[in-house]
Amino acid sequence: EGLRRQRPSVCNRLDRNTSGIVTAGITLRGLQGLSE
């Protein structure tokens, strides 16, 4: 039910063959803050 309401998503991309930190928002607050 939570997935229907708000789908978590990664907020920045790395190339397929680049490793390391990717940020992701779980809630709308998290998605908007990271995007900002």
Full PDB file with SEQRES, HELIX, SHEET, SSBOND, CRYST1, ORIGX, SCALE, CONECT and MASTER records, all heavy atoms in Angstrom:
SEQRES   1 A   36  GLU GLY LEU ARG ARG GLN ARG PRO SER VAL CYS ASN ARG          
SEQRES   2 A   36  LEU ASP ARG ASN THR SER GLY ILE VAL THR ALA GLY ILE          
SEQRES   3 A   36  THR LEU ARG GLY LEU GLN GLY LEU SER GLU                      
HELIX    1 AA1 GLY A    2  ARG A    5  1                                   4    
HELIX    2 AA2 LEU A   28  SER A   35  1                                   8    
CRYST1    1.000    1.000    1.000  90.00  90.00  90.00 P 1           1          
ORIGX1      1.000000  0.000000  0.000000        0.00000                         
ORIGX2      0.000000  1.000000  0.000000        0.00000                         
ORIGX3      0.000000  0.000000  1.000000        0.00000                         
SCALE1      1.000000  0.000000  0.000000        0.00000                         
SCALE2      0.000000  1.000000  0.000000        0.00000                         
SCALE3      0.000000  0.000000  1.000000        0.00000                         
ATOM      1  N   GLU A   1       0.833  -1.202   0.000  1.00  0.00           N  
ATOM      2  CA  GLU A   1       0.000   0.000   0.000  1.00  0.00           C  
ATOM      3  C   GLU A   1       0.869   1.254   0.000  1.00  0.00           C  
ATOM      4  O   GLU A   1       0.578   2.224  -0.694  1.00  0.00           O  
ATOM      5  CB  GLU A   1      -0.925   0.004   1.214  1.00  0.00           C  
ATOM      6  CG  GLU A   1      -1.778   1.264   1.377  1.00  0.00           C  
ATOM      7  CD  GLU A   1      -2.784   1.467   0.262  1.00  0.00           C  
ATOM      8  OE1 GLU A   1      -3.079   0.495  -0.465  1.00  0.00           O  
ATOM      9  OE2 GLU A   1      -3.274   2.597   0.117  1.00  0.00           O  
ATOM     10  N   GLY A   2       1.953   1.232   0.780  1.00  0.00           N  
ATOM     11  CA  GLY A   2       2.867   2.368   0.787  1.00  0.00           C  
ATOM     12  C   GLY A   2       3.513   2.595  -0.565  1.00  0.00           C  
ATOM     13  O   GLY A   2       3.750   3.739  -0.974  1.00  0.00           O  
ATOM     14  N   LEU A   3       3.802   1.500  -1.289  1.00  0.00           N  
ATOM     15  CA  LEU A   3       4.392   1.619  -2.621  1.00  0.00           C  
ATOM     16  C   LEU A   3       3.434   2.267  -3.595  1.00  0.00           C  
ATOM     17  O   LEU A   3       3.841   3.005  -4.503  1.00  0.00           O  
ATOM     18  CB  LEU A   3       4.802   0.226  -3.115  1.00  0.00           C  
ATOM     19  CG  LEU A   3       5.528   0.147  -4.457  1.00  0.00           C  
ATOM     20  CD1 LEU A   3       6.810   0.954  -4.423  1.00  0.00           C  
ATOM     21  CD2 LEU A   3       5.821  -1.299  -4.827  1.00  0.00           C  
ATOM     22  N   ARG A   4       2.124   2.011  -3.401  1.00  0.00           N  
ATOM     23  CA  ARG A   4       1.132   2.682  -4.246  1.00  0.00           C  
ATOM     24  C   ARG A   4       1.121   4.195  -3.986  1.00  0.00           C  
ATOM     25  O   ARG A   4       0.933   4.992  -4.904  1.00  0.00           O  
ATOM     26  CB  ARG A   4      -0.263   2.123  -3.957  1.00  0.00           C  
ATOM     27  CG  ARG A   4      -0.519   0.706  -4.449  1.00  0.00           C  
ATOM     28  CD  ARG A   4      -1.994   0.406  -4.323  1.00  0.00           C  
ATOM     29  NE  ARG A   4      -2.311  -0.920  -4.824  1.00  0.00           N  
ATOM     30  CZ  ARG A   4      -2.781  -1.911  -4.079  1.00  0.00           C  
ATOM     31  NH1 ARG A   4      -2.958  -1.719  -2.779  1.00  0.00           N  
ATOM     32  NH2 ARG A   4      -3.079  -3.069  -4.610  1.00  0.00           N  
ATOM     33  N   ARG A   5       1.299   4.580  -2.745  1.00  0.00           N  
ATOM     34  CA  ARG A   5       1.196   5.992  -2.371  1.00  0.00           C  
ATOM     35  C   ARG A   5       2.434   6.794  -2.788  1.00  0.00           C  
ATOM     36  O   ARG A   5       2.326   7.941  -3.218  1.00  0.00           O  
ATOM     37  CB  ARG A   5       1.016   6.118  -0.858  1.00  0.00           C  
ATOM     38  CG  ARG A   5      -0.315   5.611  -0.344  1.00  0.00           C  
ATOM     39  CD  ARG A   5      -0.328   5.509   1.170  1.00  0.00           C  
ATOM     40  NE  ARG A   5      -1.637   5.126   1.670  1.00  0.00           N  
ATOM     41  CZ  ARG A   5      -2.546   5.978   2.126  1.00  0.00           C  
ATOM     42  NH1 ARG A   5      -2.275   7.270   2.151  1.00  0.00           N  
ATOM     43  NH2 ARG A   5      -3.701   5.555   2.563  1.00  0.00           N  
ATOM     44  N   GLN A   6       3.610   6.214  -2.609  1.00  0.00           N  
ATOM     45  CA  GLN A   6       4.846   6.922  -2.932  1.00  0.00           C  
ATOM     46  C   GLN A   6       5.919   5.909  -3.300  1.00  0.00           C  
ATOM     47  O   GLN A   6       6.305   5.103  -2.472  1.00  0.00           O  
ATOM     48  CB  GLN A   6       5.320   7.770  -1.748  1.00  0.00           C  
ATOM     49  CG  GLN A   6       6.627   8.517  -1.989  1.00  0.00           C  
ATOM     50  CD  GLN A   6       6.500   9.496  -3.145  1.00  0.00           C  
ATOM     51  OE1 GLN A   6       5.652  10.389  -3.125  1.00  0.00           O  
ATOM     52  NE2 GLN A   6       7.327   9.324  -4.169  1.00  0.00           N  
ATOM     53  N   ARG A   7       6.379   5.957  -4.520  1.00  0.00           N  
ATOM     54  CA  ARG A   7       7.378   4.998  -4.976  1.00  0.00           C  
ATOM     55  C   ARG A   7       8.772   5.552  -4.710  1.00  0.00           C  
ATOM     56  O   ARG A   7       9.146   6.585  -5.257  1.00  0.00           O  
ATOM     57  CB  ARG A   7       7.215   4.709  -6.463  1.00  0.00           C  
ATOM     58  CG  ARG A   7       8.027   3.509  -6.933  1.00  0.00           C  
ATOM     59  CD  ARG A   7       7.710   3.166  -8.372  1.00  0.00           C  
ATOM     60  NE  ARG A   7       8.377   1.944  -8.763  1.00  0.00           N  
ATOM     61  CZ  ARG A   7       7.883   0.728  -8.579  1.00  0.00           C  
ATOM     62  NH1 ARG A   7       6.715   0.596  -7.994  1.00  0.00           N  
ATOM     63  NH2 ARG A   7       8.548  -0.342  -8.960  1.00  0.00           N  
ATOM     64  N   PRO A   8       9.562   4.887  -3.865  1.00  0.00           N  
ATOM     65  CA  PRO A   8      10.945   5.324  -3.651  1.00  0.00           C  
ATOM     66  C   PRO A   8      11.719   5.302  -4.967  1.00  0.00           C  
ATOM     67  O   PRO A   8      11.421   4.513  -5.867  1.00  0.00           O  
ATOM     68  CB  PRO A   8      11.493   4.275  -2.673  1.00  0.00           C  
ATOM     69  CG  PRO A   8      10.281   3.728  -1.991  1.00  0.00           C  
ATOM     70  CD  PRO A   8       9.209   3.719  -3.026  1.00  0.00           C  
ATOM     71  N   SER A   9      12.721   6.158  -5.058  1.00  0.00           N  
ATOM     72  CA  SER A   9      13.490   6.228  -6.295  1.00  0.00           C  
ATOM     73  C   SER A   9      14.892   6.748  -6.033  1.00  0.00           C  
ATOM     74  O   SER A   9      15.106   7.556  -5.124  1.00  0.00           O  
ATOM     75  CB  SER A   9      12.793   7.161  -7.297  1.00  0.00           C  
ATOM     76  OG  SER A   9      13.561   7.308  -8.483  1.00  0.00           O  
ATOM     77  N   VAL A  10      15.840   6.281  -6.855  1.00  0.00           N  
ATOM     78  CA  VAL A  10      17.181   6.862  -6.809  1.00  0.00           C  
ATOM     79  C   VAL A  10      17.094   8.288  -7.338  1.00  0.00           C  
ATOM     80  O   VAL A  10      16.236   8.610  -8.161  1.00  0.00           O  
ATOM     81  CB  VAL A  10      18.184   6.030  -7.634  1.00  0.00           C  
ATOM     82  CG1 VAL A  10      18.330   4.633  -7.064  1.00  0.00           C  
ATOM     83  CG2 VAL A  10      17.776   5.974  -9.100  1.00  0.00           C  
ATOM     84  N   CYS A  11      17.992   9.150  -6.867  1.00  0.00           N  
ATOM     85  CA  CYS A  11      17.934  10.570  -7.230  1.00  0.00           C  
ATOM     86  C   CYS A  11      19.109  11.030  -8.082  1.00  0.00           C  
ATOM     87  O   CYS A  11      19.068  12.115  -8.649  1.00  0.00           O  
ATOM     88  CB  CYS A  11      17.852  11.420  -5.963  1.00  0.00           C  
ATOM     89  SG  CYS A  11      16.308  11.177  -5.033  1.00  0.00           S  
ATOM     90  N   ASN A  12      20.176  10.243  -8.129  1.00  0.00           N  
ATOM     91  CA  ASN A  12      21.276  10.565  -9.033  1.00  0.00           C  
ATOM     92  C   ASN A  12      21.722   9.281  -9.709  1.00  0.00           C  
ATOM     93  O   ASN A  12      21.455   8.177  -9.224  1.00  0.00           O  
ATOM     94  CB  ASN A  12      22.455  11.213  -8.289  1.00  0.00           C  
ATOM     95  CG  ASN A  12      23.122  10.243  -7.334  1.00  0.00           C  
ATOM     96  OD1 ASN A  12      22.509   9.814  -6.348  1.00  0.00           O  
ATOM     97  ND2 ASN A  12      24.370   9.888  -7.591  1.00  0.00           N  
ATOM     98  N   ARG A  13      22.365   9.416 -10.848  1.00  0.00           N  
ATOM     99  CA  ARG A  13      22.758   8.244 -11.619  1.00  0.00           C  
ATOM    100  C   ARG A  13      24.272   8.094 -11.670  1.00  0.00           C  
ATOM    101  O   ARG A  13      25.008   9.080 -11.668  1.00  0.00           O  
ATOM    102  CB  ARG A  13      22.236   8.344 -13.056  1.00  0.00           C  
ATOM    103  CG  ARG A  13      20.733   8.279 -13.185  1.00  0.00           C  
ATOM    104  CD  ARG A  13      20.338   8.150 -14.636  1.00  0.00           C  
ATOM    105  NE  ARG A  13      18.896   8.167 -14.813  1.00  0.00           N  
ATOM    106  CZ  ARG A  13      18.288   7.882 -15.966  1.00  0.00           C  
ATOM    107  NH1 ARG A  13      19.010   7.569 -17.020  1.00  0.00           N  
ATOM    108  NH2 ARG A  13      16.980   7.911 -16.058  1.00  0.00           N  
ATOM    109  N   LEU A  14      24.703   6.837 -11.731  1.00  0.00           N  
ATOM    110  CA  LEU A  14      26.077   6.504 -12.063  1.00  0.00           C  
ATOM    111  C   LEU A  14      26.039   5.614 -13.298  1.00  0.00           C  
ATOM    112  O   LEU A  14      25.085   4.849 -13.493  1.00  0.00           O  
ATOM    113  CB  LEU A  14      26.761   5.750 -10.918  1.00  0.00           C  
ATOM    114  CG  LEU A  14      26.978   6.499  -9.601  1.00  0.00           C  
ATOM    115  CD1 LEU A  14      27.644   5.575  -8.585  1.00  0.00           C  
ATOM    116  CD2 LEU A  14      27.828   7.747  -9.802  1.00  0.00           C  
ATOM    117  N   ASP A  15      27.078   5.692 -14.130  1.00  0.00           N  
ATOM    118  CA  ASP A  15      27.170   4.792 -15.266  1.00  0.00           C  
ATOM    119  C   ASP A  15      27.161   3.348 -14.787  1.00  0.00           C  
ATOM    120  O   ASP A  15      27.558   3.051 -13.653  1.00  0.00           O  
ATOM    121  CB  ASP A  15      28.456   5.053 -16.056  1.00  0.00           C  
ATOM    122  CG  ASP A  15      28.463   6.414 -16.732  1.00  0.00           C  
ATOM    123  OD1 ASP A  15      27.379   6.904 -17.078  1.00  0.00           O  
ATOM    124  OD2 ASP A  15      29.555   6.974 -16.909  1.00  0.00           O  
ATOM    125  N   ARG A  16      26.754   2.454 -15.660  1.00  0.00           N  
ATOM    126  CA  ARG A  16      26.675   1.033 -15.303  1.00  0.00           C  
ATOM    127  C   ARG A  16      27.982   0.537 -14.674  1.00  0.00           C  
ATOM    128  O   ARG A  16      27.975  -0.171 -13.672  1.00  0.00           O  
ATOM    129  CB  ARG A  16      26.368   0.197 -16.542  1.00  0.00           C  
ATOM    130  CG  ARG A  16      26.258  -1.301 -16.260  1.00  0.00           C  
ATOM    131  CD  ARG A  16      26.333  -2.113 -17.539  1.00  0.00           C  
ATOM    132  NE  ARG A  16      25.144  -1.966 -18.345  1.00  0.00           N  
ATOM    133  CZ  ARG A  16      24.093  -2.786 -18.294  1.00  0.00           C  
ATOM    134  NH1 ARG A  16      24.093  -3.804 -17.434  1.00  0.00           N  
ATOM    135  NH2 ARG A  16      23.061  -2.603 -19.085  1.00  0.00           N  
ATOM    136  N   ASN A  17      29.120   0.911 -15.250  1.00  0.00           N  
ATOM    137  CA  ASN A  17      30.403   0.396 -14.785  1.00  0.00           C  
ATOM    138  C   ASN A  17      31.137   1.338 -13.838  1.00  0.00           C  
ATOM    139  O   ASN A  17      32.350   1.199 -13.634  1.00  0.00           O  
ATOM    140  CB  ASN A  17      31.289   0.036 -15.978  1.00  0.00           C  
ATOM    141  CG  ASN A  17      30.774  -1.193 -16.706  1.00  0.00           C  
ATOM    142  OD1 ASN A  17      30.256  -2.110 -16.079  1.00  0.00           O  
ATOM    143  ND2 ASN A  17      30.895  -1.202 -18.017  1.00  0.00           N  
ATOM    144  N   THR A  18      30.422   2.293 -13.267  1.00  0.00           N  
ATOM    145  CA  THR A  18      30.959   3.134 -12.196  1.00  0.00           C  
ATOM    146  C   THR A  18      30.324   2.681 -10.890  1.00  0.00           C  
ATOM    147  O   THR A  18      29.106   2.503 -10.809  1.00  0.00           O  
ATOM    148  CB  THR A  18      30.638   4.621 -12.436  1.00  0.00           C  
ATOM    149  OG1 THR A  18      31.245   5.042 -13.665  1.00  0.00           O  
ATOM    150  CG2 THR A  18      31.166   5.487 -11.299  1.00  0.00           C  
ATOM    151  N   SER A  19      31.139   2.465  -9.872  1.00  0.00           N  
ATOM    152  CA  SER A  19      30.634   2.030  -8.575  1.00  0.00           C  
ATOM    153  C   SER A  19      30.526   3.225  -7.634  1.00  0.00           C  
ATOM    154  O   SER A  19      31.044   4.302  -7.904  1.00  0.00           O  
ATOM    155  CB  SER A  19      31.568   0.972  -7.971  1.00  0.00           C  
ATOM    156  OG  SER A  19      32.885   1.491  -7.831  1.00  0.00           O  
ATOM    157  N   GLY A  20      29.857   3.002  -6.493  1.00  0.00           N  
ATOM    158  CA  GLY A  20      29.867   4.030  -5.461  1.00  0.00           C  
ATOM    159  C   GLY A  20      28.506   4.549  -5.060  1.00  0.00           C  
ATOM    160  O   GLY A  20      27.465   3.924  -5.288  1.00  0.00           O  
ATOM    161  N   ILE A  21      28.517   5.738  -4.466  1.00  0.00           N  
ATOM    162  CA  ILE A  21      27.347   6.271  -3.768  1.00  0.00           C  
ATOM    163  C   ILE A  21      26.251   6.736  -4.722  1.00  0.00           C  
ATOM    164  O   ILE A  21      26.479   7.541  -5.625  1.00  0.00           O  
ATOM    165  CB  ILE A  21      27.754   7.448  -2.857  1.00  0.00           C  
ATOM    166  CG1 ILE A  21      28.728   6.963  -1.773  1.00  0.00           C  
ATOM    167  CG2 ILE A  21      26.525   8.083  -2.213  1.00  0.00           C  
ATOM    168  CD1 ILE A  21      29.251   8.057  -0.885  1.00  0.00           C  
ATOM    169  N   VAL A  22      25.062   6.203  -4.463  1.00  0.00           N  
ATOM    170  CA  VAL A  22      23.843   6.656  -5.135  1.00  0.00           C  
ATOM    171  C   VAL A  22      22.850   7.059  -4.048  1.00  0.00           C  
ATOM    172  O   VAL A  22      22.646   6.317  -3.079  1.00  0.00           O  
ATOM    173  CB  VAL A  22      23.235   5.548  -6.013  1.00  0.00           C  
ATOM    174  CG1 VAL A  22      21.887   5.987  -6.582  1.00  0.00           C  
ATOM    175  CG2 VAL A  22      24.184   5.183  -7.155  1.00  0.00           C  
ATOM    176  N   THR A  23      22.258   8.229  -4.185  1.00  0.00           N  
ATOM    177  CA  THR A  23      21.270   8.697  -3.214  1.00  0.00           C  
ATOM    178  C   THR A  23      19.878   8.271  -3.656  1.00  0.00           C  
ATOM    179  O   THR A  23      19.590   8.158  -4.856  1.00  0.00           O  
ATOM    180  CB  THR A  23      21.311  10.229  -3.078  1.00  0.00           C  
ATOM    181  OG1 THR A  23      20.958  10.818  -4.350  1.00  0.00           O  
ATOM    182  CG2 THR A  23      22.693  10.703  -2.674  1.00  0.00           C  
ATOM    183  N   ALA A  24      18.995   8.030  -2.691  1.00  0.00           N  
ATOM    184  CA  ALA A  24      17.630   7.619  -3.005  1.00  0.00           C  
ATOM    185  C   ALA A  24      16.671   8.192  -1.975  1.00  0.00           C  
ATOM    186  O   ALA A  24      16.981   8.259  -0.786  1.00  0.00           O  
ATOM    187  CB  ALA A  24      17.526   6.092  -3.027  1.00  0.00           C  
ATOM    188  N   GLY A  25      15.505   8.595  -2.442  1.00  0.00           N  
ATOM    189  CA  GLY A  25      14.461   9.094  -1.553  1.00  0.00           C  
ATOM    190  C   GLY A  25      13.416   8.023  -1.319  1.00  0.00           C  
ATOM    191  O   GLY A  25      12.966   7.369  -2.261  1.00  0.00           O  
ATOM    192  N   ILE A  26      13.045   7.821  -0.054  1.00  0.00           N  
ATOM    193  CA  ILE A  26      11.995   6.867   0.297  1.00  0.00           C  
ATOM    194  C   ILE A  26      10.650   7.569   0.333  1.00  0.00           C  
ATOM    195  O   ILE A  26       9.648   7.066  -0.179  1.00  0.00           O  
ATOM    196  CB  ILE A  26      12.284   6.216   1.660  1.00  0.00           C  
ATOM    197  CG1 ILE A  26      13.645   5.523   1.651  1.00  0.00           C  
ATOM    198  CG2 ILE A  26      11.181   5.215   2.021  1.00  0.00           C  
ATOM    199  CD1 ILE A  26      14.070   4.992   3.011  1.00  0.00           C  
ATOM    200  N   THR A  27      10.612   8.741   0.935  1.00  0.00           N  
ATOM    201  CA  THR A  27       9.384   9.525   1.061  1.00  0.00           C  
ATOM    202  C   THR A  27       9.432  10.728   0.135  1.00  0.00           C  
ATOM    203  O   THR A  27      10.475  11.058  -0.452  1.00  0.00           O  
ATOM    204  CB  THR A  27       9.213  10.026   2.502  1.00  0.00           C  
ATOM    205  OG1 THR A  27      10.302  10.939   2.795  1.00  0.00           O  
ATOM    206  CG2 THR A  27       9.235   8.883   3.496  1.00  0.00           C  
ATOM    207  N   LEU A  28       8.302  11.398   0.003  1.00  0.00           N  
ATOM    208  CA  LEU A  28       8.254  12.619  -0.797  1.00  0.00           C  
ATOM    209  C   LEU A  28       9.228  13.654  -0.237  1.00  0.00           C  
ATOM    210  O   LEU A  28       9.922  14.341  -0.998  1.00  0.00           O  
ATOM    211  CB  LEU A  28       6.828  13.173  -0.808  1.00  0.00           C  
ATOM    212  CG  LEU A  28       6.612  14.453  -1.613  1.00  0.00           C  
ATOM    213  CD1 LEU A  28       6.883  14.220  -3.091  1.00  0.00           C  
ATOM    214  CD2 LEU A  28       5.180  14.974  -1.402  1.00  0.00           C  
ATOM    215  N   ARG A  29       9.302  13.769   1.096  1.00  0.00           N  
ATOM    216  CA  ARG A  29      10.237  14.699   1.721  1.00  0.00           C  
ATOM    217  C   ARG A  29      11.678  14.373   1.325  1.00  0.00           C  
ATOM    218  O   ARG A  29      12.465  15.260   1.014  1.00  0.00           O  
ATOM    219  CB  ARG A  29      10.079  14.646   3.238  1.00  0.00           C  
ATOM    220  CG  ARG A  29      10.936  15.670   3.988  1.00  0.00           C  
ATOM    221  CD  ARG A  29      10.870  15.450   5.490  1.00  0.00           C  
ATOM    222  NE  ARG A  29       9.507  15.500   5.988  1.00  0.00           N  
ATOM    223  CZ  ARG A  29       8.840  14.467   6.470  1.00  0.00           C  
ATOM    224  NH1 ARG A  29       9.417  13.269   6.540  1.00  0.00           N  
ATOM    225  NH2 ARG A  29       7.607  14.600   6.909  1.00  0.00           N  
ATOM    226  N   GLY A  30      12.012  13.089   1.334  1.00  0.00           N  
ATOM    227  CA  GLY A  30      13.363  12.692   0.969  1.00  0.00           C  
ATOM    228  C   GLY A  30      13.668  12.944  -0.495  1.00  0.00           C  
ATOM    229  O   GLY A  30      14.741  13.437  -0.839  1.00  0.00           O  
ATOM    230  N   LEU A  31      12.721  12.621  -1.371  1.00  0.00           N  
ATOM    231  CA  LEU A  31      12.916  12.831  -2.804  1.00  0.00           C  
ATOM    232  C   LEU A  31      13.086  14.313  -3.129  1.00  0.00           C  
ATOM    233  O   LEU A  31      13.972  14.690  -3.898  1.00  0.00           O  
ATOM    234  CB  LEU A  31      11.724  12.256  -3.574  1.00  0.00           C  
ATOM    235  CG  LEU A  31      11.620  10.728  -3.626  1.00  0.00           C  
ATOM    236  CD1 LEU A  31      10.224  10.296  -4.058  1.00  0.00           C  
ATOM    237  CD2 LEU A  31      12.666  10.163  -4.586  1.00  0.00           C  
ATOM    238  N   GLN A  32      12.240  15.145  -2.531  1.00  0.00           N  
ATOM    239  CA  GLN A  32      12.320  16.581  -2.813  1.00  0.00           C  
ATOM    240  C   GLN A  32      13.607  17.183  -2.260  1.00  0.00           C  
ATOM    241  O   GLN A  32      14.246  18.010  -2.917  1.00  0.00           O  
ATOM    242  CB  GLN A  32      11.098  17.294  -2.226  1.00  0.00           C  
ATOM    243  CG  GLN A  32       9.802  16.974  -2.945  1.00  0.00           C  
ATOM    244  CD  GLN A  32       8.586  17.628  -2.318  1.00  0.00           C  
ATOM    245  OE1 GLN A  32       8.584  17.983  -1.136  1.00  0.00           O  
ATOM    246  NE2 GLN A  32       7.531  17.800  -3.096  1.00  0.00           N  
ATOM    247  N   GLY A  33      14.017  16.763  -1.038  1.00  0.00           N  
ATOM    248  CA  GLY A  33      15.228  17.300  -0.442  1.00  0.00           C  
ATOM    249  C   GLY A  33      16.477  16.940  -1.224  1.00  0.00           C  
ATOM    250  O   GLY A  33      17.345  17.793  -1.470  1.00  0.00           O  
ATOM    251  N   LEU A  34      16.590  15.674  -1.621  1.00  0.00           N  
ATOM    252  CA  LEU A  34      17.754  15.254  -2.398  1.00  0.00           C  
ATOM    253  C   LEU A  34      17.768  15.924  -3.768  1.00  0.00           C  
ATOM    254  O   LEU A  34      18.824  16.350  -4.246  1.00  0.00           O  
ATOM    255  CB  LEU A  34      17.761  13.736  -2.548  1.00  0.00           C  
ATOM    256  CG  LEU A  34      18.105  12.937  -1.284  1.00  0.00           C  
ATOM    257  CD1 LEU A  34      17.871  11.451  -1.513  1.00  0.00           C  
ATOM    258  CD2 LEU A  34      19.558  13.189  -0.861  1.00  0.00           C  
ATOM    259  N   SER A  35      16.613  15.997  -4.403  1.00  0.00           N  
ATOM    260  CA  SER A  35      16.546  16.659  -5.714  1.00  0.00           C  
ATOM    261  C   SER A  35      16.993  18.112  -5.620  1.00  0.00           C  
ATOM    262  O   SER A  35      17.688  18.622  -6.509  1.00  0.00           O  
ATOM    263  CB  SER A  35      15.121  16.586  -6.270  1.00  0.00           C  
ATOM    264  OG  SER A  35      14.741  15.241  -6.512  1.00  0.00           O  
ATOM    265  N   GLU A  36      16.631  18.763  -4.537  1.00  0.00           N  
ATOM    266  CA  GLU A  36      17.002  20.174  -4.351  1.00  0.00           C  
ATOM    267  C   GLU A  36      18.511  20.351  -4.233  1.00  0.00           C  
ATOM    268  O   GLU A  36      19.109  21.190  -4.915  1.00  0.00           O  
ATOM    269  CB  GLU A  36      16.318  20.713  -3.099  1.00  0.00           C  
ATOM    270  CG  GLU A  36      16.712  22.138  -2.730  1.00  0.00           C  
ATOM    271  CD  GLU A  36      16.177  22.568  -1.380  1.00  0.00           C  
ATOM    272  OE1 GLU A  36      15.281  21.889  -0.846  1.00  0.00           O  
ATOM    273  OE2 GLU A  36      16.672  23.580  -0.843  1.00  0.00           O  
TER     274      GLU A  36                                                      
MASTER        0    0    0    2    0    0    0    6  273    1    0    3          
END                                                                             
